[in-house]
């Protein structure tokens, strides 16, 4: 597959290179001329939309540059995180796992 550096359509061409087994019942020591096999197709590179996979909120974490809130799927206070929501009037840490995140 050719490397894509931009969004758009590209053409891919595949040519068979190599040898094939002789046809069934033929002398394996004979030489057989084979027709070249080639296939061409096109496809489109696109930029997929970012998708949030797991929003998880913890109220009990050690907040700081060197600390991670979630460890082995649990908050810093050993409780399970709230998935898909966050506390409205309390402090906490929202951890978002994202697919196809944009380059910042």
Protein backbone atom coordinates (compact mmCIF):
# COMPACT_ATOMS: atom_id res chain seq x y z
CA UNK A 1 0.00 0.00 0.00
CA UNK A 2 1.50 3.37 -0.90
CA UNK A 3 2.10 5.77 1.94
CA UNK A 4 -0.47 8.53 2.08
CA UNK A 5 0.60 12.05 2.93
CA UNK A 6 -2.71 13.72 2.17
CA UNK A 7 -6.42 13.02 1.89
CA UNK A 8 -7.49 11.80 -1.55
CA UNK A 9 -7.66 8.91 -3.99
CA UNK A 10 -4.66 6.79 -4.94
CA UNK A 11 -4.21 3.97 -7.39
CA UNK A 12 -2.66 0.66 -6.41
CA UNK A 13 -1.33 -1.82 -8.93
CA UNK A 14 -0.27 -5.40 -8.14
CA UNK A 15 1.67 -7.59 -10.57
CA UNK A 16 2.26 -11.29 -9.97
CA UNK A 17 5.97 -12.11 -9.91
CA UNK A 18 7.16 -15.64 -9.44
CA UNK A 19 6.48 -19.09 -10.69
CA UNK A 20 3.45 -21.29 -10.52
CA UNK A 21 3.20 -25.02 -10.28
CA UNK A 22 2.70 -26.84 -13.60
CA UNK A 23 -0.91 -27.64 -14.46
CA UNK A 24 -2.25 -30.90 -13.03
CA UNK A 25 -1.10 -33.88 -15.08
CA UNK A 26 1.66 -31.95 -16.88
CA UNK A 27 5.33 -32.90 -16.93
CA UNK A 28 6.90 -31.00 -13.99
CA UNK A 29 10.21 -30.69 -15.91
CA UNK A 30 8.61 -28.89 -18.87
CA UNK A 31 8.62 -25.12 -19.28
CA UNK A 32 5.24 -23.39 -19.30
CA UNK A 33 4.74 -19.81 -20.44
CA UNK A 34 2.37 -18.02 -18.14
CA UNK A 35 0.39 -14.91 -18.83
CA UNK A 36 1.29 -11.89 -16.71
CA UNK A 37 -1.19 -11.29 -13.93
CA UNK A 38 -1.93 -7.73 -12.91
CA UNK A 39 -4.66 -6.04 -10.95
CA UNK A 40 -5.32 -2.35 -10.35
CA UNK A 41 -7.67 -0.70 -7.90
CA UNK A 42 -8.14 2.69 -6.30
CA UNK A 43 -8.99 3.66 -2.78
CA UNK A 44 -9.25 6.86 -0.79
CA UNK A 45 -7.23 8.04 2.17
CA UNK A 46 -9.31 10.01 4.65
CA UNK A 47 -8.93 11.55 8.06
CA UNK A 48 -11.21 9.70 10.48
CA UNK A 49 -13.17 11.71 13.01
CA UNK A 50 -11.85 11.70 16.58
CA UNK A 51 -13.81 9.34 18.82
CA UNK A 52 -13.94 9.37 22.61
CA UNK A 53 -13.71 5.76 23.75
CA UNK A 54 -13.63 6.04 27.54
CA UNK A 55 -14.41 9.15 29.55
CA UNK A 56 -13.67 8.27 33.19
CA UNK A 57 -13.83 10.58 36.20
CA UNK A 58 -12.18 10.14 39.57
CA UNK A 59 -12.83 12.25 42.63
CA UNK A 60 -9.97 10.77 44.65
CA UNK A 61 -6.63 11.20 42.89
CA UNK A 62 -3.20 12.49 43.67
CA UNK A 63 -3.06 15.39 41.26
CA UNK A 64 0.36 16.41 40.01
CA UNK A 65 2.64 16.25 36.99
CA UNK A 66 4.27 12.98 38.04
CA UNK A 67 1.12 11.19 39.20
CA UNK A 68 -1.37 9.19 37.18
CA UNK A 69 -4.93 9.17 38.37
CA UNK A 70 -5.93 5.79 36.94
CA UNK A 71 -3.82 2.78 37.80
CA UNK A 72 -4.95 -0.70 36.80
CA UNK A 73 -8.41 0.68 36.05
CA UNK A 74 -8.92 2.20 39.51
CA UNK A 75 -8.72 5.74 40.82
CA UNK A 76 -5.93 6.81 43.16
CA UNK A 77 -8.22 6.14 46.13
CA UNK A 78 -8.71 2.51 44.91
CA UNK A 79 -12.32 3.13 43.84
CA UNK A 80 -13.70 2.47 40.39
CA UNK A 81 -13.98 5.56 38.17
CA UNK A 82 -17.32 7.00 37.13
CA UNK A 83 -17.67 6.17 33.44
CA UNK A 84 -19.38 8.56 31.04
CA UNK A 85 -19.93 11.35 33.55
CA UNK A 86 -18.28 13.70 36.01
CA UNK A 87 -19.02 15.27 39.35
CA UNK A 88 -20.76 18.64 39.01
CA UNK A 89 -19.69 20.41 42.17
CA UNK A 90 -16.66 18.47 43.39
CA UNK A 91 -13.03 18.42 42.34
CA UNK A 92 -11.71 15.49 40.38
CA UNK A 93 -9.81 14.34 37.34
CA UNK A 94 -11.42 13.50 34.00
CA UNK A 95 -9.38 11.01 31.96
CA UNK A 96 -10.35 10.70 28.30
CA UNK A 97 -9.18 7.86 26.07
CA UNK A 98 -9.48 8.90 22.46
CA UNK A 99 -9.10 7.24 19.07
CA UNK A 100 -7.91 9.23 16.04
CA UNK A 101 -6.96 12.23 18.15
CA UNK A 102 -5.84 15.24 16.12
CA UNK A 103 -2.20 16.27 16.14
CA UNK A 104 -1.85 19.24 18.43
